[in-house]
Amino acid sequence: MERTLLLKGASLGTERCILPRGDILVANGIIRSIGTDLPCPPSAEVLNLSGKLLSYGFADLHVHFREPGAPQKETIRTGSLAAAHGGYTTVCAMPNLNPAPDSLETLALEQAIIDRDACIEVLPYATITLGRRGEAVVDMEALRGRCVAFSDDGSGVQHDEVMLAAMRRAAELDCILAAHCEDNTLPGSDPKSEWGQIARDLELAAKTGCRYHICHVSSRESVSLVREAKRSGVRVTCETAPHYLLLCESDVRDEGRFRMNPPIRSAEDREALIEGLNDGTIDAIATDHAPHTAEEKSRGFAGSAMGIVGLETAFPVLYTGLVLEGKLSLERLLDALCTTPRRIFRLGGALREGEQADLTVLDLQSEYTIDSRTFLSKGHATPFDGRAVRGEVILTFMNGKPVWKKESIR
């Protein structure tokens, strides 16, 4: 018997605009109809979403789920639950794992855990180089059908000749290289550590024609370089993270929850990132969700492990700090969280008839204070703990079935 669900009366965040009101009929996990005042089929479950916003599920191009290797920090299960709590239905899991997913055998270990434990779509990265050592390029041809992209995230590829070889192979296979850009001869606090390596990579990407994606852009120089490269026809895309869009150096305290790599930079850098997000230079917002144990984050700023969590706070902090402050439209925010990341990484999915019903329902009127103790992630270190926000994820559907539901929703 066909299982049907009628979602009634929500505003609909489509690929191009926000429709003030609409209904969505889901049958057997597929979006069958989108319209106004759709008739209710016999035996359909009806959910009244009047006053709420319904979007296709968010997609995060950059998360760390730590398994295999460090399940005390996060697991595929807890990470995917945290993602659902934040409205995400697709995430791309970075490869700084143990063992590193640099072969069919090691990638299969991670995939087996994903198949067993994930409650949303988790797509693994493979490494660019064997063991993430930056020396020998992996067998991309063997791995490309099993991974979403290639990255040595956590360590930039330091040698020009290695990156050139990787880009040439990626171009031949039409694969994405997603680069953590960090020159390890410079301190991370120096913006040139980031933008200097971006400048090198953009030259190589122009030479090879590969699809090149830059992770967690944080400096104004990086934004300028990407803008010019796009104008020149380089196949480059990039992401930034909520903390770089909302915080600057003056917000940082001597606490581990403010320590990440790259670091939070100046107010001028933050404004350049917002401008780049508005004009399309920055394509997507990714959280760089990077959980650690409470002990690892309790050693003060200088002694803390690098990384914060972000999946469960991204939408409310961005909606409150950018949209409600008039710095970004709601349409562009949804685009950067959902439509564009799906497009540039060819992930599929949209609020269209015939698509899988992976959906996120938002209450834009809900006001609350972020409390990391309520997180489903094992990690609780966030610079936004205690921040008053508006805009809450109240339902997340995978394949037409709720994987996260706020208790007050029936």
Protein backbone atom coordinates (compact mmCIF):
# COMPACT_ATOMS: atom_id res chain seq x y z
CA MET A 1 0.00 0.00 0.00
CA GLU A 2 1.35 3.42 -0.98
CA ARG A 3 2.31 5.59 2.00
CA THR A 4 1.26 9.17 1.39
CA LEU A 5 1.97 12.39 3.27
CA LEU A 6 0.43 15.80 2.56
CA LEU A 7 2.40 18.79 3.82
CA LYS A 8 0.03 21.75 3.79
CA GLY A 9 0.31 25.50 3.88
CA ALA A 10 4.05 26.16 4.29
CA SER A 11 6.07 28.79 2.49
CA LEU A 12 8.21 26.93 -0.05
CA GLY A 13 11.88 27.70 -0.55
CA THR A 14 12.38 26.73 -4.18
CA GLU A 15 15.56 26.98 -6.26
CA ARG A 16 14.71 30.48 -7.45
CA CYS A 17 12.44 32.12 -4.91
CA ILE A 18 10.28 31.66 -1.82
CA LEU A 19 6.64 30.95 -2.61
CA PRO A 20 4.33 32.39 0.05
CA ARG A 21 2.21 29.27 0.39
CA GLY A 22 2.01 25.77 -1.05
CA ASP A 23 1.36 22.09 -0.47
CA ILE A 24 3.57 19.09 -1.16
CA LEU A 25 2.27 15.57 -1.65
CA VAL A 26 4.75 12.80 -0.87
CA ALA A 27 4.11 9.20 -1.83
CA ASN A 28 6.50 6.36 -1.05
CA GLY A 29 9.25 8.83 -0.30
CA ILE A 30 8.97 10.78 -3.57
CA ILE A 31 7.63 14.30 -4.13
CA ARG A 32 4.58 13.61 -6.33
CA SER A 33 2.91 17.02 -6.49
CA ILE A 34 3.63 20.62 -5.55
CA GLY A 35 0.82 23.17 -5.68
CA THR A 36 -1.79 25.15 -3.82
CA ASP A 37 -4.72 23.48 -2.05
CA LEU A 38 -3.82 20.01 -3.27
CA PRO A 39 -6.57 17.44 -2.71
CA CYS A 40 -5.92 15.00 0.09
CA PRO A 41 -5.78 11.35 -1.03
CA PRO A 42 -7.64 8.77 1.06
CA SER A 43 -5.64 7.56 4.07
CA ALA A 44 -2.95 10.21 3.61
CA GLU A 45 -1.27 11.62 6.70
CA VAL A 46 -1.77 15.40 6.77
CA LEU A 47 0.65 17.80 8.43
CA ASN A 48 -0.38 21.44 8.71
CA LEU A 49 2.71 23.62 8.30
CA SER A 50 0.99 26.98 8.08
CA GLY A 51 3.39 29.73 9.11
CA LYS A 52 6.46 27.53 8.56
CA LEU A 53 9.08 27.47 5.78
CA LEU A 54 9.77 24.26 3.89
CA SER A 55 13.04 23.81 2.00
CA TYR A 56 14.79 20.95 0.33
CA GLY A 57 17.27 19.42 2.78
CA PHE A 58 20.49 21.32 3.40
CA ALA A 59 23.79 19.95 2.05
CA ASP A 60 27.13 20.41 3.82
CA LEU A 61 30.27 19.92 1.74
CA HIS A 62 32.60 19.78 4.75
CA VAL A 63 32.06 17.78 7.94
CA HIS A 64 34.24 15.58 10.14
CA PHE A 65 32.54 12.50 11.57
CA ARG A 66 35.78 10.97 12.96
CA GLU A 67 34.92 7.34 12.25
CA PRO A 68 36.87 5.14 11.76
CA GLY A 69 39.66 6.29 14.03
CA ALA A 70 38.30 8.54 16.77
CA PRO A 71 34.78 7.48 17.79
CA GLN A 72 35.23 9.17 21.17
CA LYS A 73 34.98 12.51 19.31
CA GLU A 74 32.10 11.62 16.94
CA THR A 75 30.61 8.65 15.14
CA ILE A 76 28.75 8.34 11.88
CA ARG A 77 25.60 7.79 13.94
CA THR A 78 25.96 10.82 16.23
CA GLY A 79 27.24 13.04 13.43
CA SER A 80 24.37 12.19 11.12
CA LEU A 81 21.84 12.74 13.93
CA ALA A 82 23.39 16.15 14.58
CA ALA A 83 23.13 16.92 10.88
CA ALA A 84 19.43 15.99 10.82
CA HIS A 85 18.90 18.18 13.91
CA GLY A 86 20.39 21.06 11.92
CA GLY A 87 18.26 20.47 8.81
CA TYR A 88 20.90 18.67 6.73
CA THR A 89 20.00 15.64 4.64
CA THR A 90 23.28 15.30 2.74
CA VAL A 91 26.80 15.80 4.11
CA CYS A 92 30.27 15.14 2.72
CA ALA A 93 32.59 13.55 5.27
CA MET A 94 36.26 14.56 5.25
CA PRO A 95 39.02 11.92 5.09
CA ASN A 96 41.27 12.78 8.04
CA LEU A 97 40.50 9.37 9.52
CA ASN A 98 42.44 6.35 10.69
CA PRO A 99 42.96 4.57 8.40
CA ALA A 100 42.83 7.33 5.79
CA PRO A 101 40.44 6.46 2.93
CA ASP A 102 43.16 6.32 0.28
CA SER A 103 42.34 2.96 -1.31
CA LEU A 104 39.31 0.84 -2.10
CA GLU A 105 39.99 -1.23 1.03
CA THR A 106 40.26 1.66 3.47
CA LEU A 107 37.37 3.57 1.92
CA ALA A 108 35.22 0.43 2.22
CA LEU A 109 35.78 0.44 6.01
CA GLU A 110 34.21 3.89 6.29
CA GLN A 111 31.43 3.06 3.82
CA ALA A 112 30.42 -0.01 5.83
CA ILE A 113 29.89 2.15 8.93
CA ILE A 114 27.93 4.71 6.89
CA ASP A 115 25.70 1.98 5.47
CA ARG A 116 25.06 0.62 8.96
CA ASP A 117 24.65 3.77 11.04
CA ALA A 118 23.88 6.91 9.03
CA CYS A 119 20.36 8.36 9.29
CA ILE A 120 20.95 10.81 6.42
CA GLU A 121 23.01 10.69 3.22
CA VAL A 122 26.72 10.68 4.15
CA LEU A 123 29.10 10.86 1.19
CA PRO A 124 32.77 10.15 1.92
CA TYR A 125 35.78 11.96 0.53
CA ALA A 126 38.87 10.04 -0.50
CA THR A 127 42.32 11.51 0.06
CA ILE A 128 44.36 13.26 -2.63
CA THR A 129 47.59 11.59 -1.52
CA LEU A 130 48.41 8.28 0.10
CA GLY A 131 48.02 8.56 3.86
CA ARG A 132 47.45 12.32 3.46
CA ARG A 133 51.23 12.63 3.47
CA GLY A 134 51.33 14.94 0.44
CA GLU A 135 53.74 12.75 -1.53
CA ALA A 136 52.08 10.25 -3.89
CA VAL A 137 48.70 10.75 -5.56
CA VAL A 138 46.08 8.05 -4.90
CA ASP A 139 44.55 5.87 -7.62
CA MET A 140 41.80 8.35 -8.46
CA GLU A 141 40.36 6.23 -11.24
CA ALA A 142 39.72 3.33 -8.87
CA LEU A 143 38.22 5.57 -6.16
CA ARG A 144 36.20 8.14 -8.11
CA GLY A 145 32.95 6.15 -8.22
CA ARG A 146 33.11 5.49 -4.48
CA CYS A 147 33.75 9.02 -3.16
CA VAL A 148 32.22 12.46 -3.58
CA ALA A 149 35.57 14.22 -4.16
CA PHE A 150 39.25 14.14 -3.19
CA SER A 151 40.81 16.13 -0.34
CA ASP A 152 43.74 16.00 2.05
CA ASP A 153 41.76 18.20 4.43
CA GLY A 154 43.59 19.24 7.55
CA SER A 155 46.86 19.59 5.68
CA GLY A 156 47.44 21.47 2.46
CA VAL A 157 49.30 19.72 -0.34
CA GLN A 158 52.66 21.46 0.10
CA HIS A 159 54.55 20.37 -3.01
CA ASP A 160 53.65 22.10 -6.27
CA GLU A 161 54.51 19.08 -8.42
CA VAL A 162 52.25 16.80 -6.36
CA MET A 163 49.29 19.19 -6.63
CA LEU A 164 49.91 19.60 -10.36
CA ALA A 165 49.91 15.83 -10.86
CA ALA A 166 46.72 15.49 -8.82
CA MET A 167 44.98 18.25 -10.76
CA ARG A 168 45.97 16.75 -14.12
CA ARG A 169 44.54 13.39 -13.12
CA ALA A 170 41.39 14.97 -11.66
CA ALA A 171 40.86 16.90 -14.89
CA GLU A 172 41.15 13.71 -16.96
CA LEU A 173 38.57 11.99 -14.74
CA ASP A 174 36.32 15.07 -14.19
CA CYS A 175 36.72 14.79 -10.40
CA ILE A 176 36.71 17.55 -7.79
CA LEU A 177 39.80 18.40 -5.77
CA ALA A 178 38.74 20.10 -2.52
CA ALA A 179 41.74 21.85 -1.02
CA HIS A 180 42.55 22.83 2.54
CA CYS A 181 44.90 25.69 1.69
CA GLU A 182 47.59 26.18 4.31
CA ASP A 183 51.27 26.85 3.71
CA ASN A 184 52.92 25.14 6.65
CA THR A 185 56.00 27.36 6.42
CA LEU A 186 53.85 30.24 7.71
CA PRO A 187 51.82 30.54 10.93
CA GLY A 188 48.10 29.93 10.43
CA SER A 189 47.40 33.35 11.90
CA ASP A 190 49.05 34.89 8.83
CA PRO A 191 46.37 35.20 6.10
CA LYS A 192 49.05 34.52 3.48
CA SER A 193 49.22 30.97 4.79
CA GLU A 194 45.80 30.58 3.16
CA TRP A 195 45.78 32.94 0.21
CA GLY A 196 49.34 32.20 -0.91
CA GLN A 197 48.49 28.56 -1.49
CA ILE A 198 45.17 29.51 -3.10
CA ALA A 199 47.09 31.71 -5.57
CA ARG A 200 49.37 28.78 -6.43
CA ASP A 201 46.45 26.38 -6.84
CA LEU A 202 44.48 28.76 -9.03
CA GLU A 203 47.42 28.95 -11.44
CA LEU A 204 47.56 25.15 -11.54
CA ALA A 205 43.79 24.88 -11.97
CA ALA A 206 43.93 27.32 -14.89
CA LYS A 207 46.70 25.23 -16.47
CA THR A 208 44.97 21.87 -16.01
CA GLY A 209 41.27 22.76 -16.28
CA CYS A 210 40.37 20.68 -13.23
CA ARG A 211 37.35 21.27 -11.00
CA TYR A 212 38.94 22.93 -7.98
CA HIS A 213 37.09 23.65 -4.73
CA ILE A 214 38.54 25.70 -1.87
CA CYS A 215 37.59 24.77 1.68
CA HIS A 216 36.78 27.25 4.48
CA VAL A 217 37.86 30.53 2.88
CA SER A 218 38.54 33.05 5.66
CA SER A 219 40.50 36.04 4.31
CA ARG A 220 39.68 39.01 2.10
CA GLU A 221 42.69 38.31 -0.13
CA SER A 222 41.34 34.82 -0.81
CA VAL A 223 37.98 36.26 -1.84
CA SER A 224 39.66 38.65 -4.28
CA LEU A 225 41.74 35.87 -5.81
CA VAL A 226 38.71 33.64 -6.33
CA ARG A 227 36.67 36.49 -7.80
CA GLU A 228 39.34 37.25 -10.39
CA ALA A 229 39.87 33.57 -11.19
CA LYS A 230 36.16 33.08 -11.85
CA ARG A 231 36.18 36.08 -14.18
CA SER A 232 39.09 34.45 -16.02
CA GLY A 233 37.19 31.20 -16.52
CA VAL A 234 38.98 29.01 -13.97
CA ARG A 235 36.76 26.12 -12.82
CA VAL A 236 36.91 27.17 -9.18
CA THR A 237 34.30 27.06 -6.42
CA CYS A 238 34.64 27.77 -2.73
CA GLU A 239 32.94 27.68 0.63
CA THR A 240 33.14 29.63 3.85
CA ALA A 241 31.78 28.80 7.30
CA PRO A 242 29.24 30.48 9.61
CA HIS A 243 31.88 31.50 12.18
CA TYR A 244 33.89 33.44 9.59
CA LEU A 245 30.75 35.27 8.42
CA LEU A 246 29.61 36.22 11.92
CA LEU A 247 32.69 36.63 14.13
CA CYS A 248 35.93 38.60 14.07
CA GLU A 249 39.05 38.80 16.22
CA SER A 250 37.45 41.01 18.85
CA ASP A 251 34.89 38.25 19.59
CA VAL A 252 37.51 35.63 20.41
CA ARG A 253 37.98 34.63 24.05
CA ASP A 254 40.62 32.53 25.76
CA GLU A 255 38.50 29.40 25.42
CA GLY A 256 38.84 26.30 23.27
CA ARG A 257 35.45 26.87 21.67
CA PHE A 258 36.95 29.77 19.72
CA ARG A 259 39.90 27.82 18.29
CA MET A 260 39.69 26.45 14.76
CA ASN A 261 41.82 26.32 11.61
CA PRO A 262 41.88 28.70 9.82
CA PRO A 263 41.37 31.13 12.70
CA ILE A 264 38.72 33.83 12.99
CA ARG A 265 40.19 36.92 11.36
CA SER A 266 39.56 40.67 11.20
CA ALA A 267 36.33 42.61 10.78
CA GLU A 268 37.54 43.58 7.29
CA ASP A 269 37.93 39.91 6.39
CA ARG A 270 34.44 39.17 7.68
CA GLU A 271 32.90 41.97 5.59
CA ALA A 272 34.75 40.76 2.48
CA LEU A 273 33.35 37.27 3.02
CA ILE A 274 29.79 38.61 3.31
CA GLU A 275 30.30 40.64 0.13
CA GLY A 276 31.68 37.57 -1.62
CA LEU A 277 28.72 35.49 -0.51
CA ASN A 278 26.31 38.12 -1.82
CA ASP A 279 27.95 38.48 -5.23
CA GLY A 280 28.45 34.75 -5.80
CA THR A 281 32.24 34.67 -5.44
CA ILE A 282 31.68 32.38 -2.47
CA ASP A 283 29.41 29.59 -3.64
CA ALA A 284 28.41 27.75 -0.49
CA ILE A 285 28.34 27.79 3.28
CA ALA A 286 29.80 24.67 4.90
CA THR A 287 30.10 24.17 8.65
CA ASP A 288 33.51 22.44 8.92
CA HIS A 289 31.83 20.53 11.77
CA ALA A 290 34.88 19.27 13.71
CA PRO A 291 34.04 17.71 17.10
CA HIS A 292 36.56 16.94 19.82
CA THR A 293 36.19 15.59 23.33
CA ALA A 294 35.36 17.95 26.17
CA GLU A 295 38.82 17.40 27.64
CA GLU A 296 40.53 18.34 24.36
CA LYS A 297 38.58 21.60 24.22
CA SER A 298 38.98 22.51 27.89
CA ARG A 299 42.65 23.51 27.85
CA GLY A 300 42.16 27.19 27.08
CA PHE A 301 42.56 28.70 23.64
CA ALA A 302 46.27 27.95 23.07
CA GLY A 303 46.10 24.36 24.36
CA SER A 304 42.85 23.38 22.68
CA ALA A 305 42.45 20.97 19.80
CA MET A 306 41.58 22.73 16.55
CA GLY A 307 37.93 22.65 15.55
CA ILE A 308 34.37 23.43 16.60
CA VAL A 309 30.96 21.93 15.90
CA GLY A 310 28.53 23.65 13.57
CA LEU A 311 25.79 21.47 12.12
CA GLU A 312 23.21 22.20 14.82
CA THR A 313 23.71 25.97 14.89
CA ALA A 314 24.32 26.95 11.25
CA PHE A 315 20.86 27.99 10.15
CA PRO A 316 19.75 29.92 13.26
CA VAL A 317 23.00 31.87 13.66
CA LEU A 318 23.12 32.76 9.97
CA TYR A 319 19.45 33.67 9.78
CA THR A 320 19.71 35.82 12.91
CA GLY A 321 23.09 37.39 12.24
CA LEU A 322 22.84 37.95 8.48
CA VAL A 323 19.25 37.78 7.22
CA LEU A 324 17.55 39.60 10.09
CA GLU A 325 20.36 42.18 10.08
CA GLY A 326 19.76 42.90 6.39
CA LYS A 327 23.18 41.63 5.25
CA LEU A 328 21.92 38.65 3.23
CA SER A 329 18.58 37.67 1.73
CA LEU A 330 16.80 34.56 2.94
CA GLU A 331 16.76 33.30 -0.65
CA ARG A 332 20.56 33.56 -0.89
CA LEU A 333 21.00 31.87 2.49
CA LEU A 334 18.92 28.88 1.38
CA ASP A 335 20.79 28.83 -1.91
CA ALA A 336 24.17 28.70 -0.14
CA LEU A 337 23.01 25.97 2.27
CA CYS A 338 21.11 23.82 -0.19
CA THR A 339 20.93 24.55 -3.92
CA THR A 340 24.46 25.64 -4.79
CA PRO A 341 26.38 22.98 -2.85
CA ARG A 342 24.21 20.34 -4.48
CA ARG A 343 24.84 21.84 -7.92
CA ILE A 344 28.60 22.33 -7.75
CA PHE A 345 29.23 18.84 -6.31
CA ARG A 346 26.53 17.23 -8.50
CA LEU A 347 24.76 15.79 -5.47
CA GLY A 348 21.24 15.92 -6.91
CA GLY A 349 18.04 16.83 -5.12
CA ALA A 350 15.71 19.80 -5.33
CA LEU A 351 12.22 20.87 -4.35
CA ARG A 352 10.73 19.45 -7.55
CA GLU A 353 8.22 16.78 -8.46
CA GLY A 354 9.86 13.39 -8.91
CA GLU A 355 12.69 14.07 -6.45
CA GLN A 356 13.28 12.13 -3.24
CA ALA A 357 11.47 13.80 -0.34
CA ASP A 358 14.48 14.92 1.69
CA LEU A 359 13.00 18.03 3.27
CA THR A 360 13.64 20.55 6.04
CA VAL A 361 10.92 22.48 7.89
CA LEU A 362 11.84 25.73 9.62
CA ASP A 363 10.05 27.91 12.13
CA LEU A 364 11.37 31.41 11.44
CA GLN A 365 9.46 32.89 14.40
CA SER A 366 10.93 30.58 17.03
CA GLU A 367 13.18 32.45 19.46
CA TYR A 368 15.54 30.58 21.76
CA THR A 369 19.06 30.52 23.16
CA ILE A 370 21.65 28.11 21.82
CA ASP A 371 22.49 25.54 24.48
CA SER A 372 25.23 23.10 23.51
CA ARG A 373 23.98 20.64 26.13
CA THR A 374 21.05 19.87 23.82
CA PHE A 375 23.28 18.89 20.88
CA LEU A 376 23.05 15.41 19.42
CA SER A 377 26.70 15.59 18.39
CA LYS A 378 29.32 14.25 20.78
CA GLY A 379 31.06 17.60 20.37
CA HIS A 380 29.79 20.64 22.28
CA ALA A 381 32.40 23.30 21.57
CA THR A 382 30.78 26.21 19.75
CA PRO A 383 31.49 29.95 19.91
CA PHE A 384 27.74 30.49 19.67
CA ASP A 385 26.82 28.83 22.97
CA GLY A 386 24.45 31.14 24.85
CA ARG A 387 23.62 33.24 21.80
CA ALA A 388 19.98 34.33 21.38
CA VAL A 389 18.73 33.36 17.92
CA ARG A 390 15.61 33.17 15.80
CA GLY A 391 14.81 30.46 13.30
CA GLU A 392 14.64 26.79 14.25
CA VAL A 393 14.70 23.49 12.41
CA ILE A 394 11.62 21.63 13.59
CA LEU A 395 11.42 18.72 11.13
CA THR A 396 13.84 16.94 8.84
CA PHE A 397 12.61 14.27 6.44
CA MET A 398 14.63 11.62 4.63
CA ASN A 399 12.80 9.79 1.91
CA GLY A 400 9.53 11.16 3.28
CA LYS A 401 10.16 9.90 6.82
CA PRO A 402 11.07 12.16 9.75
CA VAL A 403 14.61 11.67 11.07
CA TRP A 404 14.43 14.71 13.32
CA LYS A 405 11.24 16.07 14.89
CA LYS A 406 10.88 18.72 17.54
CA GLU A 407 8.88 17.27 20.42
CA SER A 408 6.17 19.93 20.14
CA ILE A 409 5.39 18.87 16.54
CA ARG A 410 2.77 16.17 16.23
